[in-house]
Amino acid sequence: MGFTDLDPADFDALTFDCYGTLIDWETGALGVLRPWADGQGLDAGDDDLLSRFAAAQADRETLRPIKRYPDVVGEAFAEIAAGYGHTLSAQDRERLAQSIGDWPPFADSVQALGDLKRRFRLGVLSNVDVCSFARTHARLGKVMEVMVTADDAGSYKPALAHFHRGIDEFAKLGIEKSRILHIAQSRFHDIAPATSLDLTCVWVNRRGGRQGRGLNIPSDAETPYVVGDMAELAAHLCRDRGR
C-alpha cells in the first residue's frame, strides 16, 4: 500500500501542519540564526543550529502554562546562544521572534493549496500564535477555512488539543472525522498524535535524502502514505474522481 492507493473520494477536508509542511521554516529560521552564528565567529553548521533550535523549542512547548510562540522562539534562541557559551542580545532574540510571519512558503505550496481548495475544505493545525499565522496565511493565499493555533488550543502539538479542536470545527461544517485527511512533515508533532486518534495521515517528506535532522524531532510514527512535496500531493488528490 502506498500514497497512490489513497482514494481522494474518501475525503472532504484536508488539515495541514503549516511550518515545515507549507512553510520553509528551516530557511526562515536560518535567515536569523546563520548571520548571528557567523557574527559570533562560531564554527556551527546549519544542521547543528537547527537541531539545537528544535530541541530547545520542544522543551519549552511542554511547559505549563504555555508561553506564546514568539516567546518560545526567543527563549529557544537564548538557549542556543548559551550552549555555545554566548549571551544573546535582546535585539537578536526579538529579531528571530518577529521573523516567524516572514518565513517563506515552499515553492509548491501556494499553487498546490489553490488547486486543493477547489476540491476540499481546508484547515490548518499550527503550533504558532494567531498573529504570526495571520501573516503567514496571507502568504499562502488565505485559503484555510478552519484555523487552530497554539493560542486557540492552549497547548502545543504533539498534545492532542489541536486535533480535537480541528475535528470539532469540521464537524460543525458537517464533515466527520473519517472524512478528514491530515497532511504533515513532522512525524513527532503530527503523524504520531493524529494516527493515535485514527486520523488518516500523509507524511510530506520534505527533507528527502538530505543528511541531518534539521528541525525534525525523531519519531517512530509511520503512515503508508508518503509524498515528497505538495505538488505531488495535489496532483494525486485533484485527479478526476471517476478515474
Foldseek 3Di string as FASTA:
>chain_A
DEQLVDALVQAAEEEEEPDPAFFPVLVLLCVLVVVVCVVVVHPDDSLRSQQQLLVQLVVQQVDPQHDAPLVSSLVSVQVSQVVVVHGDDPVSSNVSSVSLLVGATDPCQQVLLVLVLVRHAYEYQYAHDPVSVVSNCVNSVVSHPYYHYCVNQSGAFVPCSSVVVVQVVVVVVVGHQSNYEYEYAACRRPQVSCVVVVHHYEHAPQCPPDDHDRSYDDDPRDHNYYHPHSVVVSVSSNPDSVD
